[in-house]
Amino acid sequence: MAMRAGCLRLLRRLLTVPILGLMVVALTSAAATDSAAAAAHVRSTGPGYWLVTGYGTSFAYNAPWLGDPTAMGSDACNDTQNPPPYPPLCNGISTAAGGNGYWLSPGAQWGSVPFCYDLPPHGGGTGPPVAATPTAGIAATPSGAWIVTTGGQVYSMCPYSGGEQVPFHLNKPMVGIAATPDGNGYWLAGADGGVFTEGDASFYGSMGGQHLNAPIVGIAATPDGGGYWLVASDGGVFAFGDAQFHGSMGGMPLNKPMVGIADNPDGTGYWTVASDGGVFAFGDAPYLGSAVGQYLDAPIVGIASRG
């Protein structure tokens, strides 16, 4: 059952700043303190996961509910560059170091997440340039997070650096990013199954140039960084390196397309999630519930594991 905390106590500090032409919401320790009550209703051991909608509304399964933009009245996941009703803006979620917080793409942070006092400057034309293409995913590092856009621009937060264009020709848009364990590299996944590496991320293979029944929509790395999984919108899963294939929904009927994948923290399985909130567990990853049948203010856009 999804766990939702009651009304949060007054935040000691709430900071909002623009990034990538969008909005970042950073919560300090007040959010982590207020989430303690929710955590008390969660089993202290075993894996869990969070789901998030395009408006940032989160659902927790054997994981503490840490707050979200909807509950806090924030427009961090509202595309305010368009007229009301604002379209949903968020499109990904990634567990922060320590497993007690998460980042939302394009850049909101909740729970026990590094607080970015060095977020990029803004105002007066001194801020970072607006990304040329929409964000496609986010991957947490030990100290912050990486964000990738559909066009292949990669930004880092905590500390901020931005707009580096990956030096590859893209046949299809980027759809996801996964960080190496030490945060000194990352893998990027394209909709055509191409995988691109930067830093200390090693290349273990891809589906680029191979026939796909449906486009790739997400990537998840193994805990040791020795492999990764790709998931396609039809539920197909592809394993590379030391990532083991434990099954998939490929070839089986889905009510809605898959939108993301997350690893079981011990590397022995994975979950995939569909846009209607359906969760599918493989290997030793336990099924802990889904958002199917619950009110969704926007489609589910991602899943993140809590170990």
C-alpha atoms as a PDB file:
ATOM      1  CA  MET A   1       0.000   0.000   0.000  1.00  0.00           C
ATOM      2  CA  ALA A   2       1.301   3.406  -0.859  1.00  0.00           C
ATOM      3  CA  MET A   3       2.266   5.387   2.200  1.00  0.00           C
ATOM      4  CA  ARG A   4       1.505   9.071   2.375  1.00  0.00           C
ATOM      5  CA  ALA A   5       2.561  11.195   5.305  1.00  0.00           C
ATOM      6  CA  GLY A   6       0.209  13.601   6.994  1.00  0.00           C
ATOM      7  CA  CYS A   7       0.574  17.326   6.822  1.00  0.00           C
ATOM      8  CA  LEU A   8       4.222  18.273   6.981  1.00  0.00           C
ATOM      9  CA  ARG A   9       5.322  20.634   9.718  1.00  0.00           C
ATOM     10  CA  LEU A  10       6.494  24.057   8.744  1.00  0.00           C
ATOM     11  CA  LEU A  11       9.743  23.755   6.821  1.00  0.00           C
ATOM     12  CA  ARG A  12      12.674  25.479   8.421  1.00  0.00           C
ATOM     13  CA  ARG A  13      13.943  26.373   5.010  1.00  0.00           C
ATOM     14  CA  LEU A  14      12.601  26.203   1.490  1.00  0.00           C
ATOM     15  CA  LEU A  15      14.718  27.309  -1.428  1.00  0.00           C
ATOM     16  CA  THR A  16      13.583  27.592  -5.007  1.00  0.00           C
ATOM     17  CA  VAL A  17      15.900  28.522  -7.852  1.00  0.00           C
ATOM     18  CA  PRO A  18      15.717  28.059 -11.621  1.00  0.00           C
ATOM     19  CA  ILE A  19      17.917  25.532 -13.394  1.00  0.00           C
ATOM     20  CA  LEU A  20      17.940  24.672 -17.067  1.00  0.00           C
ATOM     21  CA  GLY A  21      15.217  27.257 -17.483  1.00  0.00           C
ATOM     22  CA  LEU A  22      13.070  25.196 -15.109  1.00  0.00           C
ATOM     23  CA  MET A  23      12.536  25.148 -11.340  1.00  0.00           C
ATOM     24  CA  VAL A  24      14.559  23.386  -8.681  1.00  0.00           C
ATOM     25  CA  VAL A  25      13.163  22.858  -5.199  1.00  0.00           C
ATOM     26  CA  ALA A  26      15.685  22.024  -2.492  1.00  0.00           C
ATOM     27  CA  LEU A  27      14.526  20.899   0.948  1.00  0.00           C
ATOM     28  CA  THR A  28      16.787  20.950   3.977  1.00  0.00           C
ATOM     29  CA  SER A  29      16.748  18.619   6.957  1.00  0.00           C
ATOM     30  CA  ALA A  30      13.188  19.594   7.848  1.00  0.00           C
ATOM     31  CA  ALA A  31      11.911  17.304   5.120  1.00  0.00           C
ATOM     32  CA  ALA A  32      13.991  14.407   6.403  1.00  0.00           C
ATOM     33  CA  THR A  33      12.771  15.092   9.947  1.00  0.00           C
ATOM     34  CA  ASP A  34       9.143  15.212   8.897  1.00  0.00           C
ATOM     35  CA  SER A  35       9.510  12.008   6.937  1.00  0.00           C
ATOM     36  CA  ALA A  36      10.502  10.126  10.094  1.00  0.00           C
ATOM     37  CA  ALA A  37       6.870   9.518  10.986  1.00  0.00           C
ATOM     38  CA  ALA A  38       6.282   7.954   7.604  1.00  0.00           C
ATOM     39  CA  ALA A  39       9.437   5.873   7.942  1.00  0.00           C
ATOM     40  CA  ALA A  40       8.147   4.494  11.239  1.00  0.00           C
ATOM     41  CA  HIS A  41       5.417   2.695   9.314  1.00  0.00           C
ATOM     42  CA  VAL A  42       7.910   1.079   6.939  1.00  0.00           C
ATOM     43  CA  ARG A  43       9.748  -2.163   7.566  1.00  0.00           C
ATOM     44  CA  SER A  44      13.296  -1.348   8.630  1.00  0.00           C
ATOM     45  CA  THR A  45      14.848  -4.008   6.435  1.00  0.00           C
ATOM     46  CA  GLY A  46      14.490  -5.189   2.892  1.00  0.00           C
ATOM     47  CA  PRO A  47      14.231  -3.353  -0.387  1.00  0.00           C
ATOM     48  CA  GLY A  48      11.529  -0.926  -1.423  1.00  0.00           C
ATOM     49  CA  TYR A  49      10.760   1.540  -4.158  1.00  0.00           C
ATOM     50  CA  TRP A  50       9.209   4.850  -5.039  1.00  0.00           C
ATOM     51  CA  LEU A  51       7.065   5.699  -8.062  1.00  0.00           C
ATOM     52  CA  VAL A  52       6.576   9.239  -9.328  1.00  0.00           C
ATOM     53  CA  THR A  53       4.128  10.912 -11.701  1.00  0.00           C
ATOM     54  CA  GLY A  54       4.869  13.650 -14.198  1.00  0.00           C
ATOM     55  CA  TYR A  55       3.682  16.221 -11.651  1.00  0.00           C
ATOM     56  CA  GLY A  56       6.051  14.817  -9.045  1.00  0.00           C
ATOM     57  CA  THR A  57       3.441  13.049  -6.919  1.00  0.00           C
ATOM     58  CA  SER A  58       5.197  10.127  -5.262  1.00  0.00           C
ATOM     59  CA  PHE A  59       4.084   6.713  -4.016  1.00  0.00           C
ATOM     60  CA  ALA A  60       6.167   4.701  -1.564  1.00  0.00           C
ATOM     61  CA  TYR A  61       6.352   0.926  -1.092  1.00  0.00           C
ATOM     62  CA  ASN A  62       8.367  -0.318   1.888  1.00  0.00           C
ATOM     63  CA  ALA A  63      10.028   3.074   1.695  1.00  0.00           C
ATOM     64  CA  PRO A  64       9.366   6.311   3.585  1.00  0.00           C
ATOM     65  CA  TRP A  65       7.200   8.893   1.901  1.00  0.00           C
ATOM     66  CA  LEU A  66       9.475  11.936   1.818  1.00  0.00           C
ATOM     67  CA  GLY A  67       7.262  14.625   0.354  1.00  0.00           C
ATOM     68  CA  ASP A  68       6.762  15.780  -3.194  1.00  0.00           C
ATOM     69  CA  PRO A  69       6.097  18.946  -5.177  1.00  0.00           C
ATOM     70  CA  THR A  70       2.333  18.376  -5.167  1.00  0.00           C
ATOM     71  CA  ALA A  71       2.129  18.065  -1.375  1.00  0.00           C
ATOM     72  CA  MET A  72       4.324  21.125  -0.865  1.00  0.00           C
ATOM     73  CA  GLY A  73       2.425  23.312  -3.326  1.00  0.00           C
ATOM     74  CA  SER A  74       5.542  23.670  -5.471  1.00  0.00           C
ATOM     75  CA  ASP A  75       5.479  24.055  -9.242  1.00  0.00           C
ATOM     76  CA  ALA A  76       8.820  22.215  -9.605  1.00  0.00           C
ATOM     77  CA  CYS A  77       7.125  19.650 -11.848  1.00  0.00           C
ATOM     78  CA  ASN A  78       4.785  22.071 -13.638  1.00  0.00           C
ATOM     79  CA  ASP A  79       5.783  23.408 -17.041  1.00  0.00           C
ATOM     80  CA  THR A  80       5.126  27.057 -16.209  1.00  0.00           C
ATOM     81  CA  GLN A  81       6.587  28.130 -19.529  1.00  0.00           C
ATOM     82  CA  ASN A  82       3.245  27.133 -21.006  1.00  0.00           C
ATOM     83  CA  PRO A  83      -0.157  28.622 -20.122  1.00  0.00           C
ATOM     84  CA  PRO A  84      -2.335  26.929 -17.478  1.00  0.00           C
ATOM     85  CA  PRO A  85      -3.267  24.201 -16.980  1.00  0.00           C
ATOM     86  CA  TYR A  86       0.452  23.562 -16.793  1.00  0.00           C
ATOM     87  CA  PRO A  87       1.645  20.331 -18.448  1.00  0.00           C
ATOM     88  CA  PRO A  88       3.576  17.890 -16.236  1.00  0.00           C
ATOM     89  CA  LEU A  89       7.315  18.447 -16.349  1.00  0.00           C
ATOM     90  CA  CYS A  90       9.062  15.758 -14.304  1.00  0.00           C
ATOM     91  CA  ASN A  91      10.208  12.659 -16.172  1.00  0.00           C
ATOM     92  CA  GLY A  92      12.459  10.646 -13.890  1.00  0.00           C
ATOM     93  CA  ILE A  93      13.478   9.710 -10.358  1.00  0.00           C
ATOM     94  CA  SER A  94      16.768   8.504  -8.878  1.00  0.00           C
ATOM     95  CA  THR A  95      17.648   7.355  -5.361  1.00  0.00           C
ATOM     96  CA  ALA A  96      20.114   9.579  -3.542  1.00  0.00           C
ATOM     97  CA  ALA A  97      23.224   8.248  -1.833  1.00  0.00           C
ATOM     98  CA  GLY A  98      22.266   6.446   1.354  1.00  0.00           C
ATOM     99  CA  GLY A  99      18.877   5.408   0.051  1.00  0.00           C
ATOM    100  CA  ASN A 100      16.834   7.847   2.148  1.00  0.00           C
ATOM    101  CA  GLY A 101      16.042  10.459  -0.443  1.00  0.00           C
ATOM    102  CA  TYR A 102      15.602  10.928  -4.144  1.00  0.00           C
ATOM    103  CA  TRP A 103      16.019  13.340  -6.981  1.00  0.00           C
ATOM    104  CA  LEU A 104      13.320  14.127  -9.524  1.00  0.00           C
ATOM    105  CA  SER A 105      14.220  15.103 -13.067  1.00  0.00           C
ATOM    106  CA  PRO A 106      14.540  17.935 -14.055  1.00  0.00           C
ATOM    107  CA  GLY A 107      15.963  18.713 -10.642  1.00  0.00           C
ATOM    108  CA  ALA A 108      13.918  18.543  -7.448  1.00  0.00           C
ATOM    109  CA  GLN A 109      15.369  16.879  -4.365  1.00  0.00           C
ATOM    110  CA  TRP A 110      13.520  15.317  -1.433  1.00  0.00           C
ATOM    111  CA  GLY A 111      14.446  13.703   1.843  1.00  0.00           C
ATOM    112  CA  SER A 112      18.039  13.064   2.854  1.00  0.00           C
ATOM    113  CA  VAL A 113      19.668  14.538  -0.228  1.00  0.00           C
ATOM    114  CA  PRO A 114      22.747  16.778  -0.449  1.00  0.00           C
ATOM    115  CA  PHE A 115      21.562  20.393  -0.164  1.00  0.00           C
ATOM    116  CA  CYS A 116      22.916  22.423  -3.058  1.00  0.00           C
ATOM    117  CA  TYR A 117      24.107  25.696  -1.644  1.00  0.00           C
ATOM    118  CA  ASP A 118      26.114  25.921  -4.853  1.00  0.00           C
ATOM    119  CA  LEU A 119      23.129  25.680  -7.164  1.00  0.00           C
ATOM    120  CA  PRO A 120      23.725  27.669 -10.363  1.00  0.00           C
ATOM    121  CA  PRO A 121      23.455  31.444 -10.320  1.00  0.00           C
ATOM    122  CA  HIS A 122      20.268  32.971 -11.632  1.00  0.00           C
ATOM    123  CA  GLY A 123      18.754  36.293 -12.510  1.00  0.00           C
ATOM    124  CA  GLY A 124      20.184  39.139 -14.514  1.00  0.00           C
ATOM    125  CA  GLY A 125      21.126  36.873 -17.359  1.00  0.00           C
ATOM    126  CA  THR A 126      23.901  35.203 -15.366  1.00  0.00           C
ATOM    127  CA  GLY A 127      22.248  31.822 -14.985  1.00  0.00           C
ATOM    128  CA  PRO A 128      22.789  28.679 -16.998  1.00  0.00           C
ATOM    129  CA  PRO A 129      21.380  28.540 -20.507  1.00  0.00           C
ATOM    130  CA  VAL A 130      17.996  26.998 -21.078  1.00  0.00           C
ATOM    131  CA  ALA A 131      18.481  23.449 -22.301  1.00  0.00           C
ATOM    132  CA  ALA A 132      17.980  23.179 -26.028  1.00  0.00           C
ATOM    133  CA  THR A 133      15.943  20.005 -25.560  1.00  0.00           C
ATOM    134  CA  PRO A 134      13.796  18.650 -22.675  1.00  0.00           C
ATOM    135  CA  THR A 135      15.298  16.656 -19.846  1.00  0.00           C
ATOM    136  CA  ALA A 136      15.200  12.892 -20.307  1.00  0.00           C
ATOM    137  CA  GLY A 137      16.423  11.477 -17.011  1.00  0.00           C
ATOM    138  CA  ILE A 138      18.374  11.886 -13.810  1.00  0.00           C
ATOM    139  CA  ALA A 139      20.969   9.766 -11.997  1.00  0.00           C
ATOM    140  CA  ALA A 140      22.139  10.355  -8.443  1.00  0.00           C
ATOM    141  CA  THR A 141      25.823  10.374  -7.472  1.00  0.00           C
ATOM    142  CA  PRO A 142      27.376  10.229  -3.985  1.00  0.00           C
ATOM    143  CA  SER A 143      27.354  14.027  -3.853  1.00  0.00           C
ATOM    144  CA  GLY A 144      24.683  15.163  -6.298  1.00  0.00           C
ATOM    145  CA  ALA A 145      23.111  14.154  -9.565  1.00  0.00           C
ATOM    146  CA  TRP A 146      23.516  14.085 -13.332  1.00  0.00           C
ATOM    147  CA  ILE A 147      20.740  15.232 -15.671  1.00  0.00           C
ATOM    148  CA  VAL A 148      20.582  14.383 -19.381  1.00  0.00           C
ATOM    149  CA  THR A 149      18.403  15.988 -22.017  1.00  0.00           C
ATOM    150  CA  THR A 150      16.858  14.266 -25.014  1.00  0.00           C
ATOM    151  CA  GLY A 151      19.428  15.992 -27.198  1.00  0.00           C
ATOM    152  CA  GLY A 152      22.383  14.649 -25.232  1.00  0.00           C
ATOM    153  CA  GLN A 153      23.295  17.618 -23.034  1.00  0.00           C
ATOM    154  CA  VAL A 154      24.527  16.514 -19.598  1.00  0.00           C
ATOM    155  CA  TYR A 155      24.360  18.713 -16.498  1.00  0.00           C
ATOM    156  CA  SER A 156      25.660  17.989 -13.022  1.00  0.00           C
ATOM    157  CA  MET A 157      24.325  19.325  -9.740  1.00  0.00           C
ATOM    158  CA  CYS A 158      26.203  19.658  -6.426  1.00  0.00           C
ATOM    159  CA  PRO A 159      28.429  21.148  -7.728  1.00  0.00           C
ATOM    160  CA  TYR A 160      26.718  22.588 -10.771  1.00  0.00           C
ATOM    161  CA  SER A 161      28.229  22.369 -14.219  1.00  0.00           C
ATOM    162  CA  GLY A 162      26.139  22.399 -17.275  1.00  0.00           C
ATOM    163  CA  GLY A 163      25.403  21.918 -20.868  1.00  0.00           C
ATOM    164  CA  GLU A 164      28.199  19.587 -21.928  1.00  0.00           C
ATOM    165  CA  GLN A 165      27.143  17.992 -25.194  1.00  0.00           C
ATOM    166  CA  VAL A 166      28.070  14.338 -25.499  1.00  0.00           C
ATOM    167  CA  PRO A 167      30.469  13.925 -28.428  1.00  0.00           C
ATOM    168  CA  PHE A 168      28.346  11.368 -30.236  1.00  0.00           C
ATOM    169  CA  HIS A 169      25.999  11.424 -33.158  1.00  0.00           C
ATOM    170  CA  LEU A 170      22.510  10.592 -31.915  1.00  0.00           C
ATOM    171  CA  ASN A 171      20.229   8.605 -34.180  1.00  0.00           C
ATOM    172  CA  LYS A 172      17.412   8.823 -31.658  1.00  0.00           C
ATOM    173  CA  PRO A 173      16.759  10.903 -28.519  1.00  0.00           C
ATOM    174  CA  MET A 174      18.345  10.075 -25.189  1.00  0.00           C
ATOM    175  CA  VAL A 175      15.911   8.443 -22.783  1.00  0.00           C
ATOM    176  CA  GLY A 176      17.898   7.736 -19.615  1.00  0.00           C
ATOM    177  CA  ILE A 177      21.076   7.965 -17.594  1.00  0.00           C
ATOM    178  CA  ALA A 178      22.699   5.793 -14.905  1.00  0.00           C
ATOM    179  CA  ALA A 179      25.698   6.770 -12.769  1.00  0.00           C
ATOM    180  CA  THR A 180      28.701   4.652 -11.814  1.00  0.00           C
ATOM    181  CA  PRO A 181      28.981   3.820  -8.091  1.00  0.00           C
ATOM    182  CA  ASP A 182      31.647   6.455  -7.424  1.00  0.00           C
ATOM    183  CA  GLY A 183      29.821   9.129  -9.430  1.00  0.00           C
ATOM    184  CA  ASN A 184      32.778   9.678 -11.749  1.00  0.00           C
ATOM    185  CA  GLY A 185      31.025   8.450 -14.865  1.00  0.00           C
ATOM    186  CA  TYR A 186      27.711   7.540 -16.385  1.00  0.00           C
ATOM    187  CA  TRP A 187      25.920   5.584 -19.056  1.00  0.00           C
ATOM    188  CA  LEU A 188      23.420   7.197 -21.425  1.00  0.00           C
ATOM    189  CA  ALA A 189      20.731   5.239 -23.227  1.00  0.00           C
ATOM    190  CA  GLY A 190      19.108   6.207 -26.509  1.00  0.00           C
ATOM    191  CA  ALA A 191      15.639   5.251 -27.693  1.00  0.00           C
ATOM    192  CA  ASP A 192      17.244   3.080 -30.391  1.00  0.00           C
ATOM    193  CA  GLY A 193      19.116   1.021 -27.783  1.00  0.00           C
ATOM    194  CA  GLY A 194      22.422   2.816 -28.167  1.00  0.00           C
ATOM    195  CA  VAL A 195      24.516   3.084 -24.982  1.00  0.00           C
ATOM    196  CA  PHE A 196      27.136   5.804 -24.525  1.00  0.00           C
ATOM    197  CA  THR A 197      29.717   6.054 -21.760  1.00  0.00           C
ATOM    198  CA  GLU A 198      31.561   8.894 -20.069  1.00  0.00           C
ATOM    199  CA  GLY A 199      34.163   8.970 -17.308  1.00  0.00           C
ATOM    200  CA  ASP A 200      34.849   5.642 -15.605  1.00  0.00           C
ATOM    201  CA  ALA A 201      31.729   3.961 -17.014  1.00  0.00           C
ATOM    202  CA  SER A 202      32.657   0.913 -19.110  1.00  0.00           C
ATOM    203  CA  PHE A 203      30.829  -0.130 -22.258  1.00  0.00           C
ATOM    204  CA  TYR A 204      29.330  -3.621 -22.013  1.00  0.00           C
ATOM    205  CA  GLY A 205      27.163  -3.650 -25.117  1.00  0.00           C
ATOM    206  CA  SER A 206      23.968  -2.157 -26.467  1.00  0.00           C
ATOM    207  CA  MET A 207      20.975  -2.746 -28.685  1.00  0.00           C
ATOM    208  CA  GLY A 208      22.094  -0.091 -31.138  1.00  0.00           C
ATOM    209  CA  GLY A 209      21.710  -1.292 -34.712  1.00  0.00           C
ATOM    210  CA  GLN A 210      19.627  -4.274 -33.647  1.00  0.00           C
ATOM    211  CA  HIS A 211      15.943  -4.821 -34.242  1.00  0.00           C
ATOM    212  CA  LEU A 212      13.703  -3.593 -31.447  1.00  0.00           C
ATOM    213  CA  ASN A 213       9.984  -4.221 -31.242  1.00  0.00           C
ATOM    214  CA  ALA A 214       9.599  -1.022 -29.221  1.00  0.00           C
ATOM    215  CA  PRO A 215      11.863   1.876 -28.226  1.00  0.00           C
ATOM    216  CA  ILE A 216      14.090   1.780 -25.170  1.00  0.00           C
ATOM    217  CA  VAL A 217      12.729   3.933 -22.329  1.00  0.00           C
ATOM    218  CA  GLY A 218      15.132   3.423 -19.425  1.00  0.00           C
ATOM    219  CA  ILE A 219      18.442   2.157 -18.074  1.00  0.00           C
ATOM    220  CA  ALA A 220      19.561   0.885 -14.659  1.00  0.00           C
ATOM    221  CA  ALA A 221      23.076  -0.053 -13.600  1.00  0.00           C
ATOM    222  CA  THR A 222      24.088  -2.961 -11.373  1.00  0.00           C
ATOM    223  CA  PRO A 223      25.245  -2.029  -7.851  1.00  0.00           C
ATOM    224  CA  ASP A 224      28.901  -2.732  -8.636  1.00  0.00           C
ATOM    225  CA  GLY A 225      28.826  -0.817 -11.911  1.00  0.00           C
ATOM    226  CA  GLY A 226      29.791  -3.905 -13.868  1.00  0.00           C
ATOM    227  CA  GLY A 227      26.708  -3.959 -16.064  1.00  0.00           C
ATOM    228  CA  TYR A 228      23.318  -2.505 -16.837  1.00  0.00           C
ATOM    229  CA  TRP A 229      19.817  -3.284 -18.004  1.00  0.00           C
ATOM    230  CA  LEU A 230      17.773  -1.556 -20.677  1.00  0.00           C
ATOM    231  CA  VAL A 231      13.979  -1.681 -20.729  1.00  0.00           C
ATOM    232  CA  ALA A 232      11.766  -1.068 -23.753  1.00  0.00           C
ATOM    233  CA  SER A 233       8.254   0.352 -23.765  1.00  0.00           C
ATOM    234  CA  ASP A 234       6.815  -3.087 -24.591  1.00  0.00           C
ATOM    235  CA  GLY A 235       8.387  -4.524 -21.432  1.00  0.00           C
ATOM    236  CA  GLY A 236      11.413  -6.142 -23.066  1.00  0.00           C
ATOM    237  CA  VAL A 237      14.546  -6.155 -20.887  1.00  0.00           C
ATOM    238  CA  PHE A 238      18.112  -6.439 -22.179  1.00  0.00           C
ATOM    239  CA  ALA A 239      21.055  -7.278 -19.876  1.00  0.00           C
ATOM    240  CA  PHE A 240      24.724  -6.426 -20.388  1.00  0.00           C
ATOM    241  CA  GLY A 241      27.947  -7.000 -18.446  1.00  0.00           C
ATOM    242  CA  ASP A 242      27.335  -8.643 -15.072  1.00  0.00           C
ATOM    243  CA  ALA A 243      23.649  -7.713 -15.178  1.00  0.00           C
ATOM    244  CA  GLN A 244      21.662 -10.944 -15.199  1.00  0.00           C
ATOM    245  CA  PHE A 245      18.477 -11.396 -17.215  1.00  0.00           C
ATOM    246  CA  HIS A 246      15.669 -12.442 -14.878  1.00  0.00           C
ATOM    247  CA  GLY A 247      12.725 -12.129 -17.236  1.00  0.00           C
ATOM    248  CA  SER A 248      10.607  -9.413 -18.782  1.00  0.00           C
ATOM    249  CA  MET A 249       7.135  -8.529 -19.998  1.00  0.00           C
ATOM    250  CA  GLY A 250       8.292  -8.517 -23.620  1.00  0.00           C
ATOM    251  CA  GLY A 251       5.731 -10.237 -25.827  1.00  0.00           C
ATOM    252  CA  MET A 252       3.045 -10.069 -23.140  1.00  0.00           C
ATOM    253  CA  PRO A 253       0.036  -7.712 -23.173  1.00  0.00           C
ATOM    254  CA  LEU A 254       0.405  -4.487 -21.217  1.00  0.00           C
ATOM    255  CA  ASN A 255      -2.350  -2.062 -20.333  1.00  0.00           C
ATOM    256  CA  LYS A 256       0.091   0.836 -20.665  1.00  0.00           C
ATOM    257  CA  PRO A 257       3.695   1.105 -21.860  1.00  0.00           C
ATOM    258  CA  MET A 258       6.696   0.638 -19.615  1.00  0.00           C
ATOM    259  CA  VAL A 259       8.452   3.832 -18.617  1.00  0.00           C
ATOM    260  CA  GLY A 260      11.292   2.810 -16.296  1.00  0.00           C
ATOM    261  CA  ILE A 261      13.433   0.211 -14.551  1.00  0.00           C
ATOM    262  CA  ALA A 262      15.170   0.023 -11.162  1.00  0.00           C
ATOM    263  CA  ASP A 263      17.604  -2.529  -9.769  1.00  0.00           C
ATOM    264  CA  ASN A 264      17.090  -4.553  -6.629  1.00  0.00           C
ATOM    265  CA  PRO A 265      19.824  -3.028  -4.422  1.00  0.00           C
ATOM    266  CA  ASP A 266      21.622  -6.358  -4.036  1.00  0.00           C
ATOM    267  CA  GLY A 267      21.755  -6.779  -7.812  1.00  0.00           C
ATOM    268  CA  THR A 268      19.694  -9.978  -7.893  1.00  0.00           C
ATOM    269  CA  GLY A 269      16.705  -8.630  -9.767  1.00  0.00           C
ATOM    270  CA  TYR A 270      14.847  -5.573 -10.954  1.00  0.00           C
ATOM    271  CA  TRP A 271      11.487  -3.873 -11.193  1.00  0.00           C
ATOM    272  CA  THR A 272       9.907  -2.313 -14.255  1.00  0.00           C
ATOM    273  CA  VAL A 273       7.041   0.161 -14.109  1.00  0.00           C
ATOM    274  CA  ALA A 274       4.334   1.146 -16.572  1.00  0.00           C
ATOM    275  CA  SER A 275       2.751   4.562 -17.006  1.00  0.00           C
ATOM    276  CA  ASP A 276      -0.440   3.406 -15.239  1.00  0.00           C
ATOM    277  CA  GLY A 277       1.559   2.541 -12.127  1.00  0.00           C
ATOM    278  CA  GLY A 278       1.807  -1.181 -12.780  1.00  0.00           C
ATOM    279  CA  VAL A 279       4.939  -2.691 -11.208  1.00  0.00           C
ATOM    280  CA  PHE A 280       6.532  -5.917 -12.410  1.00  0.00           C
ATOM    281  CA  ALA A 281       9.133  -7.720 -10.295  1.00  0.00           C
ATOM    282  CA  PHE A 282      11.814 -10.072 -11.616  1.00  0.00           C
ATOM    283  CA  GLY A 283      14.494 -12.207 -10.001  1.00  0.00           C
ATOM    284  CA  ASP A 284      14.725 -11.697  -6.253  1.00  0.00           C
ATOM    285  CA  ALA A 285      13.166  -8.239  -6.429  1.00  0.00           C
ATOM    286  CA  PRO A 286       9.994  -8.526  -4.323  1.00  0.00           C
ATOM    287  CA  TYR A 287       6.650  -7.242  -5.497  1.00  0.00           C
ATOM    288  CA  LEU A 288       5.556  -4.697  -2.888  1.00  0.00           C
ATOM    289  CA  GLY A 289       2.565  -3.062  -4.547  1.00  0.00           C
ATOM    290  CA  SER A 290       1.658  -0.744  -7.386  1.00  0.00           C
ATOM    291  CA  ALA A 291      -0.311   2.412  -8.137  1.00  0.00           C
ATOM    292  CA  VAL A 292      -2.780   0.690 -10.456  1.00  0.00           C
ATOM    293  CA  GLY A 293      -6.292   1.741  -9.517  1.00  0.00           C
ATOM    294  CA  GLN A 294      -5.112   4.793  -7.571  1.00  0.00           C
ATOM    295  CA  TYR A 295      -5.761   8.351  -8.664  1.00  0.00           C
ATOM    296  CA  LEU A 296      -2.860   9.632 -10.765  1.00  0.00           C
ATOM    297  CA  ASP A 297      -2.618  13.337 -11.523  1.00  0.00           C
ATOM    298  CA  ALA A 298      -0.393  12.411 -14.480  1.00  0.00           C
ATOM    299  CA  PRO A 299       1.104   9.181 -15.815  1.00  0.00           C
ATOM    300  CA  ILE A 300       3.855   7.483 -13.823  1.00  0.00           C
ATOM    301  CA  VAL A 301       7.242   8.404 -15.292  1.00  0.00           C
ATOM    302  CA  GLY A 302       9.747   6.446 -13.228  1.00  0.00           C
ATOM    303  CA  ILE A 303      10.723   4.101 -10.414  1.00  0.00           C
ATOM    304  CA  ALA A 304      13.640   4.231  -7.959  1.00  0.00           C
ATOM    305  CA  SER A 305      14.732   1.542  -5.520  1.00  0.00           C
ATOM    306  CA  ARG A 306      15.414   1.980  -1.826  1.00  0.00           C
ATOM    307  CA  GLY A 307      17.734  -0.567  -0.245  1.00  0.00           C
END
